[in-house]
Amino acid sequence: MKELVLFLAKSLLDHPDEISVEPVEEGGAVKLMLKVSEEDKGKIIGKQGKVIKAIRSLLFVEGAKANKKVFLEIA
């Protein structure tokens, strides 16, 4: 799941070297903390949050395959 977020973020953003994803396990859930540069926050969120919602939808599907709940937060 971490690899999926990294792949999508690197293909969308201008500063792919400043991206980091930190997974935090909490019971049966996984929280992914995505850190990007200040300039790229608008691009990862998208207009009205459409880009981040699409990424979260893909993560939801991946989590369902692994029987885990997955949350994505932008730090």
N, C-alpha and C. Protein backbone atom coordinates (compact mmCIF):
# COMPACT_ATOMS: atom_id res chain seq x y z
N MET A 1 0.82 -1.19 0.00
CA MET A 1 0.00 0.00 0.00
C MET A 1 0.87 1.26 0.00
N LYS A 2 1.95 1.20 0.75
CA LYS A 2 2.87 2.33 0.78
C LYS A 2 3.43 2.58 -0.61
N GLU A 3 3.75 1.50 -1.32
CA GLU A 3 4.32 1.62 -2.65
C GLU A 3 3.32 2.24 -3.63
N LEU A 4 2.05 1.91 -3.47
CA LEU A 4 1.01 2.48 -4.33
C LEU A 4 0.92 3.99 -4.14
N VAL A 5 0.93 4.44 -2.90
CA VAL A 5 0.86 5.87 -2.61
C VAL A 5 2.09 6.59 -3.15
N LEU A 6 3.27 5.99 -2.95
CA LEU A 6 4.50 6.61 -3.47
C LEU A 6 4.46 6.72 -4.99
N PHE A 7 4.02 5.67 -5.66
CA PHE A 7 3.95 5.68 -7.12
C PHE A 7 3.00 6.77 -7.62
N LEU A 8 1.82 6.85 -7.04
CA LEU A 8 0.84 7.85 -7.46
C LEU A 8 1.32 9.27 -7.16
N ALA A 9 1.88 9.47 -5.98
CA ALA A 9 2.32 10.81 -5.59
C ALA A 9 3.49 11.27 -6.45
N LYS A 10 4.44 10.38 -6.71
CA LYS A 10 5.60 10.77 -7.52
C LYS A 10 5.21 11.12 -8.94
N SER A 11 4.18 10.47 -9.47
CA SER A 11 3.76 10.78 -10.83
C SER A 11 2.95 12.07 -10.91
N LEU A 12 2.41 12.54 -9.79
CA LEU A 12 1.58 13.75 -9.80
C LEU A 12 2.33 15.03 -9.43
N LEU A 13 3.36 14.92 -8.61
CA LEU A 13 3.95 16.10 -8.00
C LEU A 13 5.21 16.58 -8.70
N ASP A 14 5.56 17.86 -8.46
CA ASP A 14 6.74 18.47 -9.06
C ASP A 14 8.03 18.12 -8.33
N HIS A 15 7.94 17.84 -7.03
CA HIS A 15 9.12 17.54 -6.22
C HIS A 15 9.03 16.11 -5.67
N PRO A 16 9.25 15.11 -6.53
CA PRO A 16 9.08 13.72 -6.06
C PRO A 16 10.13 13.27 -5.05
N ASP A 17 11.25 13.99 -4.96
CA ASP A 17 12.27 13.61 -4.00
C ASP A 17 11.92 14.01 -2.56
N GLU A 18 10.91 14.85 -2.38
CA GLU A 18 10.52 15.32 -1.05
C GLU A 18 9.30 14.58 -0.51
N ILE A 19 8.94 13.46 -1.11
CA ILE A 19 7.77 12.69 -0.70
C ILE A 19 8.20 11.61 0.28
N SER A 20 7.44 11.44 1.34
CA SER A 20 7.66 10.32 2.24
C SER A 20 6.32 9.80 2.74
N VAL A 21 6.26 8.50 2.92
CA VAL A 21 5.05 7.85 3.42
C VAL A 21 5.45 7.00 4.62
N GLU A 22 4.80 7.24 5.75
CA GLU A 22 5.09 6.48 6.96
C GLU A 22 3.85 5.71 7.38
N PRO A 23 3.90 4.38 7.34
CA PRO A 23 2.76 3.58 7.80
C PRO A 23 2.75 3.44 9.32
N VAL A 24 1.57 3.53 9.91
CA VAL A 24 1.39 3.34 11.34
C VAL A 24 0.28 2.31 11.52
N GLU A 25 0.61 1.17 12.13
CA GLU A 25 -0.37 0.11 12.36
C GLU A 25 -1.11 0.40 13.66
N GLU A 26 -2.43 0.34 13.61
CA GLU A 26 -3.26 0.53 14.79
C GLU A 26 -4.34 -0.53 14.80
N GLY A 27 -4.09 -1.64 15.48
CA GLY A 27 -5.05 -2.74 15.49
C GLY A 27 -5.15 -3.36 14.12
N GLY A 28 -6.35 -3.39 13.55
CA GLY A 28 -6.55 -3.93 12.21
C GLY A 28 -6.50 -2.88 11.13
N ALA A 29 -6.11 -1.67 11.51
CA ALA A 29 -6.10 -0.57 10.55
C ALA A 29 -4.67 -0.09 10.30
N VAL A 30 -4.47 0.49 9.13
CA VAL A 30 -3.19 1.07 8.77
C VAL A 30 -3.41 2.53 8.42
N LYS A 31 -2.66 3.41 9.10
CA LYS A 31 -2.73 4.84 8.79
C LYS A 31 -1.45 5.21 8.05
N LEU A 32 -1.60 5.77 6.86
CA LEU A 32 -0.46 6.20 6.07
C LEU A 32 -0.35 7.72 6.17
N MET A 33 0.80 8.18 6.64
CA MET A 33 1.05 9.61 6.75
C MET A 33 1.88 10.03 5.54
N LEU A 34 1.29 10.84 4.67
CA LEU A 34 1.95 11.31 3.46
C LEU A 34 2.50 12.71 3.70
N LYS A 35 3.80 12.85 3.50
CA LYS A 35 4.44 14.15 3.65
C LYS A 35 4.93 14.60 2.29
N VAL A 36 4.51 15.81 1.88
CA VAL A 36 4.93 16.40 0.61
C VAL A 36 5.38 17.83 0.88
N SER A 37 6.02 18.44 -0.10
CA SER A 37 6.45 19.83 0.06
C SER A 37 5.23 20.75 0.07
N GLU A 38 5.40 21.92 0.63
CA GLU A 38 4.31 22.89 0.72
C GLU A 38 3.77 23.26 -0.67
N GLU A 39 4.65 23.33 -1.66
CA GLU A 39 4.23 23.70 -3.01
C GLU A 39 3.34 22.64 -3.64
N ASP A 40 3.51 21.39 -3.24
CA ASP A 40 2.78 20.28 -3.86
C ASP A 40 1.50 19.89 -3.13
N LYS A 41 1.22 20.49 -1.99
CA LYS A 41 0.02 20.11 -1.24
C LYS A 41 -1.25 20.35 -2.04
N GLY A 42 -1.30 21.44 -2.77
CA GLY A 42 -2.48 21.73 -3.59
C GLY A 42 -2.67 20.73 -4.70
N LYS A 43 -1.58 20.24 -5.26
CA LYS A 43 -1.69 19.26 -6.35
C LYS A 43 -2.15 17.91 -5.85
N ILE A 44 -1.70 17.50 -4.67
CA ILE A 44 -2.10 16.20 -4.15
C ILE A 44 -3.54 16.22 -3.65
N ILE A 45 -4.01 17.39 -3.22
CA ILE A 45 -5.40 17.50 -2.78
C ILE A 45 -6.31 17.64 -3.99
N GLY A 46 -5.94 18.47 -4.95
CA GLY A 46 -6.74 18.65 -6.16
C GLY A 46 -7.91 19.59 -5.93
N LYS A 47 -8.61 19.89 -7.00
CA LYS A 47 -9.77 20.77 -6.90
C LYS A 47 -10.87 20.05 -6.13
N GLN A 48 -11.33 20.70 -5.08
CA GLN A 48 -12.37 20.18 -4.20
C GLN A 48 -12.02 18.81 -3.63
N GLY A 49 -10.73 18.51 -3.54
CA GLY A 49 -10.28 17.27 -2.94
C GLY A 49 -10.45 16.03 -3.80
N LYS A 50 -10.62 16.21 -5.10
CA LYS A 50 -10.89 15.06 -5.97
C LYS A 50 -9.70 14.13 -6.11
N VAL A 51 -8.49 14.65 -6.15
CA VAL A 51 -7.31 13.79 -6.33
C VAL A 51 -7.09 12.93 -5.09
N ILE A 52 -7.13 13.54 -3.92
CA ILE A 52 -6.90 12.78 -2.69
C ILE A 52 -8.02 11.77 -2.46
N LYS A 53 -9.24 12.11 -2.84
CA LYS A 53 -10.36 11.16 -2.72
C LYS A 53 -10.15 9.96 -3.63
N ALA A 54 -9.62 10.19 -4.83
CA ALA A 54 -9.35 9.09 -5.76
C ALA A 54 -8.25 8.18 -5.21
N ILE A 55 -7.21 8.76 -4.64
CA ILE A 55 -6.13 7.96 -4.06
C ILE A 55 -6.66 7.16 -2.88
N ARG A 56 -7.50 7.77 -2.06
CA ARG A 56 -8.07 7.06 -0.91
C ARG A 56 -8.98 5.92 -1.37
N SER A 57 -9.69 6.11 -2.47
CA SER A 57 -10.54 5.05 -3.01
C SER A 57 -9.70 3.85 -3.45
N LEU A 58 -8.58 4.12 -4.10
CA LEU A 58 -7.69 3.03 -4.51
C LEU A 58 -7.13 2.31 -3.29
N LEU A 59 -6.79 3.06 -2.26
CA LEU A 59 -6.28 2.44 -1.04
C LEU A 59 -7.35 1.61 -0.33
N PHE A 60 -8.59 2.06 -0.41
CA PHE A 60 -9.69 1.31 0.18
C PHE A 60 -9.81 -0.07 -0.47
N VAL A 61 -9.66 -0.12 -1.79
CA VAL A 61 -9.72 -1.38 -2.52
C VAL A 61 -8.55 -2.28 -2.13
N GLU A 62 -7.35 -1.70 -2.06
CA GLU A 62 -6.17 -2.48 -1.66
C GLU A 62 -6.33 -3.01 -0.24
N GLY A 63 -6.88 -2.19 0.64
CA GLY A 63 -7.09 -2.63 2.01
C GLY A 63 -8.13 -3.72 2.11
N ALA A 64 -9.16 -3.66 1.28
CA ALA A 64 -10.19 -4.69 1.29
C ALA A 64 -9.60 -6.04 0.87
N LYS A 65 -8.67 -6.02 -0.07
CA LYS A 65 -8.01 -7.26 -0.48
C LYS A 65 -7.21 -7.87 0.66
N ALA A 66 -6.61 -7.02 1.49
CA ALA A 66 -5.78 -7.48 2.60
C ALA A 66 -6.56 -7.58 3.91
N ASN A 67 -7.87 -7.35 3.87
CA ASN A 67 -8.74 -7.37 5.06
C ASN A 67 -8.26 -6.38 6.13
N LYS A 68 -7.88 -5.18 5.70
CA LYS A 68 -7.47 -4.13 6.61
C LYS A 68 -8.16 -2.83 6.22
N LYS A 69 -8.33 -1.98 7.21
CA LYS A 69 -8.80 -0.62 6.92
C LYS A 69 -7.58 0.25 6.71
N VAL A 70 -7.64 1.10 5.70
CA VAL A 70 -6.51 1.94 5.36
C VAL A 70 -6.97 3.40 5.36
N PHE A 71 -6.20 4.24 6.03
CA PHE A 71 -6.48 5.67 6.08
C PHE A 71 -5.27 6.42 5.54
N LEU A 72 -5.50 7.47 4.80
CA LEU A 72 -4.42 8.30 4.26
C LEU A 72 -4.60 9.72 4.78
N GLU A 73 -3.54 10.24 5.40
CA GLU A 73 -3.55 11.61 5.90
C GLU A 73 -2.37 12.36 5.32
N ILE A 74 -2.57 13.63 5.06
CA ILE A 74 -1.49 14.48 4.57
C ILE A 74 -0.94 15.26 5.76
N ALA A 75 0.35 15.10 6.00
CA ALA A 75 0.97 15.76 7.15
C ALA A 75 1.48 17.14 6.75
